[in-house]
Protein backbone atom coordinates (compact mmCIF):
# COMPACT_ATOMS: atom_id res chain seq x y z
CA UNK A 1 -125.04 -277.51 149.98
CA UNK A 2 -125.66 -273.34 150.67
CA UNK A 3 -124.60 -274.24 154.28
CA UNK A 4 -120.79 -274.56 152.95
CA UNK A 5 -120.34 -271.04 151.99
CA UNK A 6 -117.59 -269.27 153.40
CA UNK A 7 -119.03 -266.42 155.30
CA UNK A 8 -115.50 -264.67 156.25
CA UNK A 9 -112.74 -264.68 158.77
CA UNK A 10 -114.70 -262.68 161.15
CA UNK A 11 -117.46 -264.53 161.20
CA UNK A 12 -115.45 -267.37 161.81
CA UNK A 13 -114.29 -266.12 165.42
CA UNK A 14 -117.90 -265.16 166.29
CA UNK A 15 -119.11 -268.87 165.37
CA UNK A 16 -115.93 -270.63 166.99
CA UNK A 17 -116.45 -268.18 170.37
CA UNK A 18 -119.87 -269.67 170.27
CA UNK A 19 -119.38 -273.01 169.49
CA UNK A 20 -116.85 -273.04 172.73
CA UNK A 21 -119.32 -271.29 175.11
CA UNK A 22 -121.99 -273.58 174.03
CA UNK A 23 -120.35 -276.70 174.50
CA UNK A 24 -119.14 -275.85 178.19
CA UNK A 25 -122.48 -274.78 179.10
CA UNK A 26 -124.22 -278.24 178.04
CA UNK A 27 -120.95 -279.80 179.83
CA UNK A 28 -122.16 -278.19 182.47
CA UNK A 29 -125.88 -278.33 182.05
CA UNK A 30 -126.88 -280.41 185.73
CA UNK A 31 -124.11 -279.09 187.67
CA UNK A 32 -125.46 -276.27 189.64
CA UNK A 33 -128.76 -278.87 190.64
CA UNK A 34 -126.00 -281.93 191.13
CA UNK A 35 -124.10 -279.16 193.73
CA UNK A 36 -127.14 -278.32 195.16
CA UNK A 37 -128.12 -281.77 196.24
CA UNK A 38 -124.75 -283.91 196.46
CA UNK A 39 -122.22 -280.94 198.29
CA UNK A 40 -125.11 -278.71 199.99
CA UNK A 41 -127.51 -281.30 200.75
CA UNK A 42 -130.45 -279.36 199.14
CA UNK A 43 -134.09 -280.54 198.87
CA UNK A 44 -136.65 -280.66 196.03
CA UNK A 45 -138.00 -277.15 197.21
CA UNK A 46 -134.59 -275.62 196.88
CA UNK A 47 -133.47 -276.95 193.80
CA UNK A 48 -136.56 -275.78 191.92
CA UNK A 49 -136.29 -272.79 193.61
CA UNK A 50 -132.31 -272.02 192.50
CA UNK A 51 -133.58 -272.86 188.87
CA UNK A 52 -136.54 -270.74 188.75
CA UNK A 53 -134.62 -267.64 190.80
CA UNK A 54 -131.81 -267.92 188.30
CA UNK A 55 -133.95 -266.86 185.41
CA UNK A 56 -136.74 -265.40 187.10
CA UNK A 57 -134.31 -262.36 188.90
CA UNK A 58 -131.59 -262.60 185.99
CA UNK A 59 -134.37 -261.87 183.55
CA UNK A 60 -135.44 -258.54 185.84
CA UNK A 61 -131.62 -257.39 186.08
CA UNK A 62 -130.89 -257.44 182.13
CA UNK A 63 -134.65 -255.09 182.02
CA UNK A 64 -132.43 -251.49 182.03
CA UNK A 65 -128.78 -253.70 180.02
CA UNK A 66 -131.07 -253.49 176.54
CA UNK A 67 -130.58 -249.31 176.24
CA UNK A 68 -127.00 -249.68 177.67
CA UNK A 69 -125.88 -252.12 175.37
CA UNK A 70 -128.11 -250.53 172.12
CA UNK A 71 -125.82 -247.22 172.22
CA UNK A 72 -122.38 -248.99 172.67
CA UNK A 73 -119.66 -250.66 170.72
CA UNK A 74 -121.37 -254.74 170.88
CA UNK A 75 -117.79 -256.91 170.58
CA UNK A 76 -116.86 -255.20 173.90
CA UNK A 77 -119.58 -255.38 175.48
CA UNK A 78 -119.46 -259.55 174.76
CA UNK A 79 -116.24 -260.04 175.88
CA UNK A 80 -117.10 -258.05 179.30
CA UNK A 81 -120.30 -260.57 179.63
CA UNK A 82 -117.80 -263.46 179.02
CA UNK A 83 -115.58 -261.89 181.32
CA UNK A 84 -118.65 -261.41 183.76
CA UNK A 85 -119.78 -265.12 183.86
CA UNK A 86 -116.12 -266.59 183.95
CA UNK A 87 -115.46 -264.75 187.43
CA UNK A 88 -119.32 -265.56 188.65
CA UNK A 89 -118.57 -269.14 188.05
CA UNK A 90 -114.81 -269.62 188.81
CA UNK A 91 -116.20 -268.45 192.54
CA UNK A 92 -118.29 -271.49 192.64
CA UNK A 93 -115.03 -273.96 192.26
CA UNK A 94 -113.12 -271.27 194.71
CA UNK A 95 -115.41 -271.36 197.32
CA UNK A 96 -115.58 -275.09 197.57
CA UNK A 97 -112.20 -275.14 197.69
CA UNK A 98 -111.81 -272.88 200.49
CA UNK A 99 -115.27 -274.74 202.29
CA UNK A 100 -117.22 -271.36 201.90
CA UNK A 101 -119.66 -272.38 199.60
CA UNK A 102 -123.21 -271.59 199.98
CA UNK A 103 -127.05 -272.36 198.66
CA UNK A 104 -126.91 -268.11 198.28
CA UNK A 105 -123.80 -268.37 196.33
CA UNK A 106 -125.30 -270.63 193.22
CA UNK A 107 -128.51 -268.40 193.63
CA UNK A 108 -126.48 -265.22 193.30
CA UNK A 109 -124.26 -266.98 190.52
CA UNK A 110 -126.66 -267.95 188.49
CA UNK A 111 -128.97 -264.51 188.66
CA UNK A 112 -125.31 -262.98 186.94
CA UNK A 113 -124.73 -265.41 184.38
CA UNK A 114 -128.70 -265.40 183.48
CA UNK A 115 -128.46 -261.67 183.16
CA UNK A 116 -125.25 -261.44 181.19
CA UNK A 117 -126.50 -264.50 179.05
CA UNK A 118 -129.17 -261.93 178.32
CA UNK A 119 -127.16 -258.84 177.90
CA UNK A 120 -124.51 -261.13 175.47
CA UNK A 121 -127.22 -262.44 173.42
CA UNK A 122 -128.51 -259.14 172.66
CA UNK A 123 -125.12 -257.38 171.93
CA UNK A 124 -124.11 -260.77 169.69
CA UNK A 125 -127.10 -260.59 167.59
CA UNK A 126 -126.29 -257.01 166.75
CA UNK A 127 -122.81 -257.57 166.07
CA UNK A 128 -124.22 -260.50 164.02
CA UNK A 129 -126.39 -258.07 162.11
CA UNK A 130 -123.72 -255.46 161.24
CA UNK A 131 -120.74 -258.19 160.47
CA UNK A 132 -122.75 -260.74 157.72
CA UNK A 133 -124.71 -259.56 154.63
CA UNK A 134 -128.43 -259.51 154.72
CA UNK A 135 -128.17 -262.14 152.34
CA UNK A 136 -125.87 -264.59 154.35
CA UNK A 137 -128.08 -264.07 157.61
CA UNK A 138 -130.33 -267.37 157.22
CA UNK A 139 -127.02 -269.50 156.84
CA UNK A 140 -125.21 -267.46 159.42
CA UNK A 141 -128.34 -268.87 161.96
CA UNK A 142 -128.75 -272.34 160.32
CA UNK A 143 -124.75 -272.93 161.51
CA UNK A 144 -125.64 -271.22 165.16
CA UNK A 145 -128.67 -273.98 165.41
CA UNK A 146 -126.43 -276.92 164.17
CA UNK A 147 -123.40 -275.73 166.98
CA UNK A 148 -126.48 -275.78 169.50
CA UNK A 149 -127.80 -278.87 168.96
CA UNK A 150 -124.36 -280.61 168.40
CA UNK A 151 -123.34 -278.83 171.62
CA UNK A 152 -126.67 -280.52 173.29
CA UNK A 153 -126.06 -284.09 171.53
CA UNK A 154 -122.42 -284.63 173.09
CA UNK A 155 -122.02 -281.96 175.95
CA UNK A 156 -124.49 -283.90 178.68
CA UNK A 157 -123.12 -287.47 177.98
CA UNK A 158 -119.39 -285.82 178.30
CA UNK A 159 -120.35 -283.77 181.02
CA UNK A 160 -122.45 -286.98 183.08
CA UNK A 161 -118.62 -288.51 182.92
CA UNK A 162 -116.70 -286.06 183.60
CA UNK A 163 -119.00 -285.72 186.67
CA UNK A 164 -118.88 -288.91 187.81
CA UNK A 165 -114.76 -288.94 187.19
CA UNK A 166 -114.63 -285.18 188.59
CA UNK A 167 -117.42 -284.29 190.40
CA UNK A 168 -119.82 -281.38 189.50
CA UNK A 169 -117.46 -278.50 190.81
CA UNK A 170 -115.26 -278.90 188.26
CA UNK A 171 -117.65 -279.36 185.47
CA UNK A 172 -118.31 -275.77 186.20
CA UNK A 173 -114.49 -274.94 185.98
CA UNK A 174 -114.78 -275.79 182.47
CA UNK A 175 -117.89 -274.24 181.71
CA UNK A 176 -116.10 -270.75 183.24
CA UNK A 177 -112.92 -271.29 181.21
CA UNK A 178 -115.54 -271.88 177.90
CA UNK A 179 -115.96 -267.97 178.24
CA UNK A 180 -112.92 -267.55 178.86
CA UNK A 181 -112.07 -268.84 175.64
CA UNK A 182 -115.19 -267.08 174.11
CA UNK A 183 -113.86 -263.66 175.02
CA UNK A 184 -110.84 -264.58 173.49
CA UNK A 185 -112.11 -265.43 170.15
CA UNK A 186 -114.31 -262.49 170.26
CA UNK A 187 -111.09 -260.25 170.63
CA UNK A 188 -109.58 -261.82 167.56
CA UNK A 189 -112.86 -260.97 165.49
CA UNK A 190 -110.69 -258.01 164.72
CA UNK A 191 -111.70 -255.03 162.17
CA UNK A 192 -113.16 -251.38 163.39
CA UNK A 193 -116.48 -251.25 164.87
CA UNK A 194 -118.18 -247.64 164.65
CA UNK A 195 -119.72 -246.13 167.69
CA UNK A 196 -123.46 -246.57 167.20
CA UNK A 197 -125.29 -243.26 167.05
CA UNK A 198 -128.36 -242.44 168.27
CA UNK A 199 -129.90 -240.15 165.81
CA UNK A 200 -132.13 -237.74 166.88
CA UNK A 201 -132.50 -238.25 170.66
CA UNK A 202 -130.58 -237.42 173.09
CA UNK A 203 -127.38 -239.29 173.64
CA UNK A 204 -127.96 -240.72 177.16
CA UNK A 205 -130.36 -243.59 177.72
CA UNK A 206 -133.67 -242.51 178.71
CA UNK A 207 -136.35 -244.10 181.31
CA UNK A 208 -138.69 -244.71 178.42
CA UNK A 209 -135.87 -246.62 176.62
CA UNK A 210 -136.27 -249.31 178.94
CA UNK A 211 -139.72 -250.45 177.30
CA UNK A 212 -138.78 -249.62 173.44
CA UNK A 213 -138.01 -253.23 172.47
CA UNK A 214 -141.10 -254.15 173.99
CA UNK A 215 -143.19 -251.39 172.10
CA UNK A 216 -141.28 -252.03 168.77
CA UNK A 217 -142.34 -255.91 168.99
CA UNK A 218 -145.66 -255.31 170.03
CA UNK A 219 -145.87 -252.73 167.24
CA UNK A 220 -144.79 -255.25 164.40
CA UNK A 221 -148.29 -257.06 162.44
CA UNK A 222 -145.36 -260.11 162.34
CA UNK A 223 -142.87 -259.61 165.00
CA UNK A 224 -145.93 -259.57 167.43
CA UNK A 225 -147.35 -263.03 166.55
CA UNK A 226 -144.01 -264.72 166.61
CA UNK A 227 -143.17 -263.19 170.05
CA UNK A 228 -146.13 -264.55 171.42
CA UNK A 229 -145.88 -267.90 169.62
CA UNK A 230 -142.55 -268.23 170.91
CA UNK A 231 -142.55 -267.14 174.34
CA UNK A 232 -145.72 -269.65 175.10
CA UNK A 233 -144.14 -272.47 173.16
CA UNK A 234 -140.90 -272.59 174.97
CA UNK A 235 -142.64 -272.05 178.29
CA UNK A 236 -144.50 -274.82 177.73
CA UNK A 237 -141.61 -277.31 176.42
CA UNK A 238 -139.42 -275.91 179.44
CA UNK A 239 -141.80 -276.36 182.12
CA UNK A 240 -142.33 -280.67 181.44
CA UNK A 241 -138.94 -281.03 181.17
CA UNK A 242 -138.25 -281.54 185.03
CA UNK A 243 -141.99 -283.07 185.03
CA UNK A 244 -140.54 -285.90 182.48
CA UNK A 245 -137.62 -286.31 184.19
CA UNK A 246 -139.34 -287.43 187.19
CA UNK A 247 -141.67 -289.95 185.48
CA UNK A 248 -138.97 -291.59 184.00
CA UNK A 249 -136.24 -291.43 186.05
CA UNK A 250 -138.72 -292.16 189.21
CA UNK A 251 -142.02 -293.68 188.36
CA UNK A 252 -140.81 -295.98 185.19
CA UNK A 253 -137.81 -296.56 186.23
CA UNK A 254 -135.36 -295.85 183.71
CA UNK A 255 -131.75 -295.84 184.24
CA UNK A 256 -130.10 -292.47 183.93
CA UNK A 257 -128.16 -293.44 181.06
CA UNK A 258 -131.24 -294.62 179.14
CA UNK A 259 -133.16 -291.02 179.99
CA UNK A 260 -129.54 -289.33 178.68
CA UNK A 261 -130.08 -291.58 175.73
CA UNK A 262 -133.68 -290.32 175.02
CA UNK A 263 -132.61 -286.90 174.72
CA UNK A 264 -129.39 -287.49 173.08
CA UNK A 265 -129.96 -289.41 169.86
CA UNK A 266 -132.97 -286.94 169.03
CA UNK A 267 -130.54 -284.17 168.81
CA UNK A 268 -129.59 -285.36 165.49
CA UNK A 269 -132.77 -284.00 163.97
CA UNK A 270 -131.23 -280.54 165.04
CA UNK A 271 -128.61 -281.05 162.70
CA UNK A 272 -131.00 -282.23 159.70
CA UNK A 273 -133.23 -279.33 160.73
CA UNK A 274 -130.82 -276.49 160.65
CA UNK A 275 -129.38 -277.80 157.31
CA UNK A 276 -132.61 -277.57 155.80
CA UNK A 277 -133.46 -274.48 156.46
CA UNK A 278 -131.91 -272.36 153.71
CA UNK A 279 -133.21 -274.71 150.83
CA UNK A 280 -136.37 -274.68 152.50
CA UNK A 281 -136.64 -271.12 152.37
CA UNK A 282 -135.41 -270.55 148.82
CA UNK A 283 -138.11 -272.42 147.45
CA UNK A 284 -141.20 -272.08 149.35
CA UNK A 285 -140.14 -268.74 151.20
CA UNK A 286 -139.87 -267.44 154.79
CA UNK A 287 -143.00 -266.91 155.35
CA UNK A 288 -144.58 -270.35 154.77
CA UNK A 289 -141.44 -272.14 156.35
CA UNK A 290 -142.15 -270.17 159.40
CA UNK A 291 -145.94 -271.01 159.49
CA UNK A 292 -145.28 -275.08 158.66
CA UNK A 293 -142.35 -275.52 160.66
CA UNK A 294 -144.02 -273.49 163.65
CA UNK A 295 -147.13 -276.24 163.02
CA UNK A 296 -145.57 -278.87 163.06
CA UNK A 297 -143.45 -278.73 166.28
CA UNK A 298 -146.51 -278.44 168.16
CA UNK A 299 -147.82 -281.33 167.38
CA UNK A 300 -145.07 -283.41 169.00
CA UNK A 301 -145.48 -283.01 172.88
CA UNK A 302 -148.47 -284.39 173.87
CA UNK A 303 -147.15 -287.75 172.89
CA UNK A 304 -144.63 -287.52 175.83
CA UNK A 305 -147.80 -288.21 178.16
CA UNK A 306 -148.40 -291.46 176.68
CA UNK A 307 -144.64 -292.76 177.72
CA UNK A 308 -144.72 -296.53 179.45
CA UNK A 309 -141.66 -298.14 181.16
CA UNK A 310 -139.53 -300.11 178.92
CA UNK A 311 -138.26 -300.18 175.85
CA UNK A 312 -141.09 -299.01 173.64
CA UNK A 313 -141.26 -296.29 175.61
CA UNK A 314 -137.65 -295.40 175.02
CA UNK A 315 -138.25 -294.98 171.64
CA UNK A 316 -141.64 -293.47 171.67
CA UNK A 317 -139.64 -290.21 173.64
CA UNK A 318 -136.61 -290.75 171.03
CA UNK A 319 -139.58 -290.45 168.40
CA UNK A 320 -141.53 -287.58 169.65
CA UNK A 321 -138.53 -285.62 170.36
CA UNK A 322 -136.43 -286.62 167.10
CA UNK A 323 -139.67 -285.03 165.36
CA UNK A 324 -140.03 -282.18 167.92
CA UNK A 325 -136.27 -281.16 167.81
CA UNK A 326 -136.27 -281.12 163.84
CA UNK A 327 -139.03 -278.69 163.30
CA UNK A 328 -137.60 -276.85 166.30
CA UNK A 329 -133.98 -277.05 164.16
CA UNK A 330 -136.08 -275.43 160.68
CA UNK A 331 -138.42 -272.74 162.51
CA UNK A 332 -135.43 -271.65 164.97
CA UNK A 333 -132.63 -270.12 162.30
CA UNK A 334 -135.22 -268.56 159.80
CA UNK A 335 -137.10 -266.82 162.98
CA UNK A 336 -133.80 -265.47 164.04
CA UNK A 337 -133.52 -264.27 160.56
CA UNK A 338 -137.03 -262.51 160.27
CA UNK A 339 -136.41 -261.10 163.96
CA UNK A 340 -133.05 -259.73 162.78
CA UNK A 341 -134.53 -258.71 158.90
CA UNK A 342 -137.47 -256.73 160.49
CA UNK A 343 -135.51 -254.68 163.32
CA UNK A 344 -133.65 -251.70 162.54
CA UNK A 345 -130.12 -251.46 163.61
CA UNK A 346 -130.81 -248.93 166.47
CA UNK A 347 -132.99 -251.27 168.07
CA UNK A 348 -132.01 -254.63 167.65
CA UNK A 349 -130.03 -254.80 171.21
CA UNK A 350 -133.14 -253.38 173.14
CA UNK A 351 -135.64 -255.91 170.73
CA UNK A 352 -133.46 -258.65 171.27
CA UNK A 353 -132.95 -258.17 175.09
CA UNK A 354 -136.78 -257.59 175.49
CA UNK A 355 -137.34 -260.89 173.74
CA UNK A 356 -134.87 -262.61 175.68
CA UNK A 357 -136.03 -261.24 178.99
CA UNK A 358 -139.88 -262.05 178.27
CA UNK A 359 -138.94 -265.81 177.20
CA UNK A 360 -136.95 -266.48 180.93
CA UNK A 361 -139.44 -265.00 182.94
CA UNK A 362 -142.12 -266.37 181.18
CA UNK A 363 -140.14 -270.29 181.25
CA UNK A 364 -139.50 -269.25 184.60
CA UNK A 365 -143.26 -268.46 185.78
CA UNK A 366 -144.79 -271.65 183.57
CA UNK A 367 -141.62 -274.04 185.41
CA UNK A 368 -143.04 -273.21 188.59
CA UNK A 369 -146.86 -273.39 187.70
CA UNK A 370 -146.67 -276.64 186.12
CA UNK A 371 -144.31 -278.19 189.40
CA UNK A 372 -147.15 -277.06 191.07
CA UNK A 373 -149.74 -278.73 189.09
CA UNK A 374 -148.17 -282.22 188.65
CA UNK A 375 -148.03 -281.92 192.40
CA UNK A 376 -151.70 -282.03 192.60
CA UNK A 377 -152.37 -284.24 189.38
CA UNK A 378 -149.03 -286.07 188.77
CA UNK A 379 -146.64 -285.69 186.04
CA UNK A 380 -148.62 -287.56 183.30
CA UNK A 381 -151.83 -284.80 183.40
CA UNK A 382 -149.50 -282.38 183.28
CA UNK A 383 -147.17 -283.12 180.73
CA UNK A 384 -150.97 -283.93 178.80
CA UNK A 385 -152.15 -280.32 179.59
CA UNK A 386 -149.08 -278.87 178.17
CA UNK A 387 -148.97 -280.83 175.45
CA UNK A 388 -152.54 -279.72 174.52
CA UNK A 389 -152.11 -276.26 175.31
CA UNK A 390 -148.85 -276.49 172.53
CA UNK A 391 -151.27 -277.93 169.89
CA UNK A 392 -153.04 -274.21 170.41
CA UNK A 393 -149.63 -272.14 169.60
CA UNK A 394 -149.52 -272.32 165.89
CA UNK A 395 -153.12 -270.06 166.43
CA UNK A 396 -150.61 -267.06 167.40
CA UNK A 397 -148.28 -267.38 163.86
CA UNK A 398 -148.47 -264.73 161.93
CA UNK A 399 -150.99 -264.75 158.95
CA UNK A 400 -149.50 -262.19 156.60
CA UNK A 401 -145.92 -262.19 155.04
CA UNK A 402 -143.92 -259.20 155.71
CA UNK A 403 -142.34 -257.16 153.30
CA UNK A 404 -139.64 -254.72 153.56
CA UNK A 405 -140.08 -251.37 155.77
CA UNK A 406 -139.35 -248.07 155.78
CA UNK A 407 -136.56 -246.93 158.42
CA UNK A 408 -138.00 -246.58 161.71
CA UNK A 409 -141.32 -248.62 161.01
CA UNK A 410 -142.21 -251.96 162.58
CA UNK A 411 -142.66 -254.85 159.73
CA UNK A 412 -145.27 -254.56 157.33
CA UNK A 413 -147.22 -257.30 155.52
CA UNK A 414 -149.17 -257.87 152.91
CA UNK A 415 -152.64 -257.67 152.96
CA UNK A 416 -154.27 -261.29 152.66
CA UNK A 417 -151.06 -262.93 151.81
């Protein structure tokens, strides 16, 4: 299969760096809430604040970093963000060992890590576009997608075992070390990287550059609908995650291992979907795959509102999650490729940064809103409402197929396609 194609040594190091940092992230996935509850004895409101504040404030902090990244060499920025995340996360076990760990520190670390995540992602997208030939972008994005779902499948069970044996603070240290190893991998990419040149504009970033990413997205007849579709879809999906945990672990009485199993096993769909993305695009075309996979991924979440106790309920969650993840794993690498293809090299970092900032802020807002809604109506009703809204997200998908565009112009569309 095409997924076996070699993309070269430089991409291999970039992929290895992504793999180790992603696995570290999923190993420590629940570490901060557990530290807040088990070590700092925080309540439900504080735990929710920790999750929402890290995303929301981190997104705001990252806004001016997009233009800053755009006109700098991307690999040094990526290394700097890895080292920033390493230092921030290592401050947690250090403070714990000294008996000085507090809730405010967890919030601040969450903010720093969220801002560094956005900045790293913006630089990494631009780096990938310069490192991999256009014809191989979908292969590369498919490999990243497969890595994400593999880490999602194996990371939380391993992290849960590590937390049980060594405590949540040690898993944070492991996550920190993964970023240090990622920095080493990015440094090993080697080769020269030219400093980006700002053509026809002042050499220093201007205040208007802060909004340039959003301007470019909203001006594109293909990027604009994809942007609104993915931001809304991902926000609603993430908003229901804590509600489903409350429903399954609380009212329905599932054991923690059953809850973990219900979400680990379906991640195999991520491996299947990421392998299918390229052959599907080769056969049916990028636009048709985006619309079909984007529509199919919206059809599953409503089923989670009907979960019941026992084995039937567990199987229902697995089936729904498997279908959802498989469709997402087809859609995501095609979206990532379309987004890179439709963005000029001197706009990639600002565009990806704007996209990520909006996504994280929307997720924070929808998570908080659905938490309040669940308090008023119950988690099952809130999950059902999110599922119904998700069914409408395909209406936001682009209706026309994009064609190559002139430099400096947003992606165009084929009328009537």
